[in-house]
Amino acid sequence: MKLESQKFNSQSQKRENQSPKPPTCKDSEAPQTIQTYSDFIQTLSEDERTRFINFCEAQTIHFNPPLVKLQTWLGSIDKVTGLPNYVELYEKFQRSPQEVQIRKQQQQQAQTQRWESDARLSAWLWEWSWFRNYGLTSEWIHLAATETEQQERREFASWAEIHGIGRPETQREEMPPSLIDAMTLTPEQQKQVETLTKRKQQLKSVISYQ
């Protein structure tokens, strides 16, 4: 164990003191172009950049001897992989539970922003709630006349499920205020609900007859 530790520390020190080198010809043939560290770090948002630097500091804090300058080491080339050190660490960073959860939340927020700006939001909220409550989610999706709108309805249904829209156990206070406002009935939508209620009764009659 002692020999392995000394070997790792020696490699870490060499990596730190090594000047960044461009990728070899073999590396340049890879499908993904490897950026220099200075170019790569600028592609991240300010928040992600901060999280990544903090992650790197935590991953390298036990190096012996300690790194003199983290960012210099991140940009230097690993002799084993032939890639800048930041590449492997960024892959580990993206797989970390905290980062996976952050990306999931960001995707959900992006979906919410998308549907809040969609002119069909209010109508679809009521339609989905009604069909979802009676177990007719597939029927609601297939109300669409085109495959494109069916796919949009699937995406809407997935997003609505995340917020518990249409589930009886979901409390209104658990929903985003913007969605509660969108579900405020207008006279036209009240008529739509009445139409859907009649449709429910017709469906129940058909099911009972079968």
Protein backbone atom coordinates (compact mmCIF):
# COMPACT_ATOMS: atom_id res chain seq x y z
CA MET A 1 0.00 0.00 0.00
CA LYS A 2 2.86 2.35 0.87
CA LEU A 3 4.53 1.80 -2.52
CA GLU A 4 1.19 2.40 -4.34
CA SER A 5 0.68 5.64 -2.38
CA GLN A 6 4.19 6.86 -3.23
CA LYS A 7 3.64 6.00 -6.90
CA PHE A 8 0.30 7.88 -7.01
CA ASN A 9 1.81 10.93 -5.29
CA SER A 10 4.75 10.89 -7.71
CA GLN A 11 2.42 10.74 -10.72
CA SER A 12 0.25 13.56 -9.31
CA GLN A 13 3.30 15.77 -8.82
CA LYS A 14 4.52 15.09 -12.36
CA ARG A 15 1.07 15.86 -13.79
CA GLU A 16 0.96 19.18 -11.92
CA ASN A 17 4.38 20.30 -13.14
CA GLN A 18 3.75 19.19 -16.71
CA SER A 19 2.81 21.94 -19.17
CA PRO A 20 -0.45 21.40 -21.11
CA LYS A 21 0.15 19.76 -24.48
CA PRO A 22 -2.14 19.53 -27.48
CA PRO A 23 -3.84 16.17 -28.05
CA THR A 24 -1.85 13.62 -30.05
CA CYS A 25 -2.80 12.59 -33.57
CA LYS A 26 -4.55 9.56 -32.09
CA ASP A 27 -6.55 11.78 -29.75
CA SER A 28 -7.58 14.09 -32.60
CA GLU A 29 -9.20 11.13 -34.33
CA ALA A 30 -11.67 10.68 -31.47
CA PRO A 31 -15.33 11.51 -32.27
CA GLN A 32 -15.43 14.30 -29.69
CA THR A 33 -13.04 17.22 -30.00
CA ILE A 34 -11.17 17.78 -26.73
CA GLN A 35 -11.01 21.45 -25.77
CA THR A 36 -8.31 23.13 -23.77
CA TYR A 37 -9.31 23.64 -20.16
CA SER A 38 -9.60 27.42 -20.57
CA ASP A 39 -12.02 26.96 -23.50
CA PHE A 40 -13.96 24.19 -21.78
CA ILE A 41 -14.56 26.07 -18.52
CA GLN A 42 -16.07 28.99 -20.44
CA THR A 43 -18.75 26.70 -21.87
CA LEU A 44 -20.20 26.13 -18.39
CA SER A 45 -22.72 28.43 -16.77
CA GLU A 46 -21.48 30.41 -13.78
CA ASP A 47 -23.33 28.13 -11.34
CA GLU A 48 -22.11 24.91 -12.94
CA ARG A 49 -18.56 26.28 -13.13
CA THR A 50 -18.60 26.98 -9.40
CA ARG A 51 -19.97 23.53 -8.60
CA PHE A 52 -17.38 21.86 -10.83
CA ILE A 53 -14.45 23.74 -9.28
CA ASN A 54 -15.72 22.84 -5.79
CA PHE A 55 -16.02 19.20 -6.88
CA CYS A 56 -12.46 19.20 -8.25
CA GLU A 57 -11.10 20.72 -5.05
CA ALA A 58 -12.79 17.99 -3.01
CA GLN A 59 -11.44 15.28 -5.35
CA THR A 60 -7.83 16.52 -5.20
CA ILE A 61 -7.61 17.77 -1.61
CA HIS A 62 -5.76 14.64 -0.46
CA PHE A 63 -3.03 14.81 -3.12
CA ASN A 64 0.42 14.59 -1.57
CA PRO A 65 2.18 16.82 -2.24
CA PRO A 66 -0.81 19.16 -2.61
CA LEU A 67 -1.49 20.86 -5.91
CA VAL A 68 0.03 24.29 -6.23
CA LYS A 69 -2.58 25.45 -8.72
CA LEU A 70 -5.67 23.35 -9.39
CA GLN A 71 -6.59 24.86 -12.74
CA THR A 72 -3.07 24.33 -14.12
CA TRP A 73 -3.29 20.66 -13.19
CA LEU A 74 -6.78 20.33 -14.69
CA GLY A 75 -5.46 21.62 -18.00
CA SER A 76 -2.36 19.41 -18.05
CA ILE A 77 -2.31 16.13 -19.98
CA ASP A 78 -2.60 12.79 -18.22
CA LYS A 79 0.14 10.47 -19.53
CA VAL A 80 -2.07 7.39 -19.20
CA THR A 81 -5.19 8.65 -21.01
CA GLY A 82 -3.53 11.30 -23.19
CA LEU A 83 -6.35 13.67 -22.23
CA PRO A 84 -6.47 16.80 -20.05
CA ASN A 85 -7.13 15.92 -16.41
CA TYR A 86 -10.38 17.88 -16.38
CA VAL A 87 -12.01 15.41 -18.83
CA GLU A 88 -12.16 12.48 -16.41
CA LEU A 89 -13.12 14.69 -13.47
CA TYR A 90 -15.95 16.33 -15.40
CA GLU A 91 -17.35 12.90 -16.29
CA LYS A 92 -17.27 11.95 -12.59
CA PHE A 93 -18.82 15.31 -11.72
CA GLN A 94 -21.74 14.73 -14.11
CA ARG A 95 -22.38 11.28 -12.61
CA SER A 96 -22.39 12.54 -9.01
CA PRO A 97 -25.82 12.18 -7.29
CA GLN A 98 -26.03 15.90 -6.51
CA GLU A 99 -25.41 16.90 -10.12
CA VAL A 100 -27.85 14.31 -11.47
CA GLN A 101 -30.53 15.75 -9.18
CA ILE A 102 -29.72 19.33 -10.22
CA ARG A 103 -30.03 18.45 -13.92
CA LYS A 104 -33.34 16.72 -13.25
CA GLN A 105 -34.68 19.84 -11.51
CA GLN A 106 -33.42 22.05 -14.34
CA GLN A 107 -35.18 19.88 -16.92
CA GLN A 108 -38.41 20.07 -14.93
CA GLN A 109 -38.13 23.85 -14.68
CA ALA A 110 -37.50 24.10 -18.42
CA GLN A 111 -40.60 21.98 -19.09
CA THR A 112 -42.71 24.16 -16.78
CA GLN A 113 -41.52 27.32 -18.54
CA ARG A 114 -42.32 25.71 -21.87
CA TRP A 115 -45.90 24.80 -20.96
CA GLU A 116 -46.61 28.03 -19.08
CA SER A 117 -45.95 29.91 -22.32
CA ASP A 118 -48.11 27.53 -24.39
CA ALA A 119 -51.51 28.92 -25.39
CA ARG A 120 -53.07 25.48 -24.86
CA LEU A 121 -52.03 25.25 -21.20
CA SER A 122 -55.33 26.09 -19.52
CA ALA A 123 -57.44 23.89 -21.80
CA TRP A 124 -55.02 20.99 -21.62
CA LEU A 125 -54.77 21.20 -17.83
CA TRP A 126 -58.50 20.72 -17.50
CA GLU A 127 -58.72 18.06 -20.17
CA TRP A 128 -55.79 16.11 -18.74
CA SER A 129 -57.13 16.36 -15.18
CA TRP A 130 -60.48 14.98 -16.27
CA PHE A 131 -59.12 12.12 -18.39
CA ARG A 132 -56.39 11.29 -15.84
CA ASN A 133 -58.91 11.12 -13.00
CA TYR A 134 -60.92 8.49 -14.90
CA GLY A 135 -57.94 6.48 -16.09
CA LEU A 136 -58.26 7.59 -19.70
CA THR A 137 -54.76 8.97 -20.26
CA SER A 138 -54.20 7.06 -23.51
CA GLU A 139 -57.58 8.23 -24.83
CA TRP A 140 -56.63 11.85 -24.12
CA ILE A 141 -53.36 11.51 -26.01
CA HIS A 142 -55.12 9.97 -29.00
CA LEU A 143 -57.62 12.82 -29.23
CA ALA A 144 -54.88 14.55 -31.23
CA ALA A 145 -55.37 14.52 -34.97
CA THR A 146 -51.67 14.29 -35.86
CA GLU A 147 -48.70 12.27 -34.64
CA THR A 148 -46.89 15.53 -33.84
CA GLU A 149 -49.61 16.66 -31.43
CA GLN A 150 -49.82 13.17 -29.94
CA GLN A 151 -46.12 13.40 -29.08
CA GLU A 152 -46.69 16.86 -27.56
CA ARG A 153 -49.53 15.44 -25.48
CA ARG A 154 -47.27 12.62 -24.28
CA GLU A 155 -44.69 15.18 -23.18
CA PHE A 156 -47.39 17.26 -21.51
CA ALA A 157 -48.76 14.14 -19.76
CA SER A 158 -45.29 13.25 -18.46
CA TRP A 159 -44.81 16.79 -17.14
CA ALA A 160 -48.33 16.85 -15.60
CA GLU A 161 -47.64 13.57 -13.78
CA ILE A 162 -44.55 15.09 -12.16
CA HIS A 163 -46.75 17.83 -10.67
CA GLY A 164 -49.48 15.39 -9.70
CA ILE A 165 -52.03 17.13 -11.90
CA GLY A 166 -55.17 15.04 -12.19
CA ARG A 167 -54.41 12.84 -9.19
CA PRO A 168 -57.13 13.07 -6.51
CA GLU A 169 -54.60 13.01 -3.68
CA THR A 170 -52.74 16.08 -4.97
CA GLN A 171 -53.44 19.20 -2.90
CA ARG A 172 -53.77 22.52 -4.72
CA GLU A 173 -51.19 24.09 -2.41
CA GLU A 174 -48.62 21.60 -3.75
CA MET A 175 -49.00 22.95 -7.27
CA PRO A 176 -47.05 25.95 -8.61
CA PRO A 177 -49.16 29.15 -8.29
CA SER A 178 -48.94 29.70 -12.04
CA LEU A 179 -50.68 26.37 -12.65
CA ILE A 180 -53.42 27.12 -10.12
CA ASP A 181 -54.06 30.42 -11.93
CA ALA A 182 -54.14 28.63 -15.26
CA MET A 183 -56.81 26.25 -13.94
CA THR A 184 -59.18 29.07 -13.02
CA LEU A 185 -62.27 28.40 -15.10
CA THR A 186 -63.52 30.82 -17.69
CA PRO A 187 -67.13 30.54 -18.92
CA GLU A 188 -65.89 28.84 -22.07
CA GLN A 189 -63.89 26.33 -20.06
CA GLN A 190 -66.88 25.69 -17.79
CA LYS A 191 -68.80 24.60 -20.89
CA GLN A 192 -65.86 22.40 -21.83
CA VAL A 193 -65.98 20.70 -18.43
CA GLU A 194 -69.71 20.10 -18.87
CA THR A 195 -69.03 18.54 -22.27
CA LEU A 196 -66.37 16.30 -20.77
CA THR A 197 -68.75 15.27 -17.99
CA LYS A 198 -71.35 14.25 -20.56
CA ARG A 199 -68.69 12.32 -22.41
CA LYS A 200 -67.85 10.50 -19.18
CA GLN A 201 -71.46 9.45 -18.76
CA GLN A 202 -71.51 8.19 -22.34
CA LEU A 203 -68.32 6.22 -21.77
CA LYS A 204 -69.75 4.67 -18.62
CA SER A 205 -72.87 3.64 -20.54
CA VAL A 206 -70.80 2.01 -23.27
CA ILE A 207 -68.66 0.16 -20.73
CA SER A 208 -71.72 -1.04 -18.85
CA TYR A 209 -73.34 -2.22 -22.09
CA GLN A 210 -70.22 -4.23 -23.01
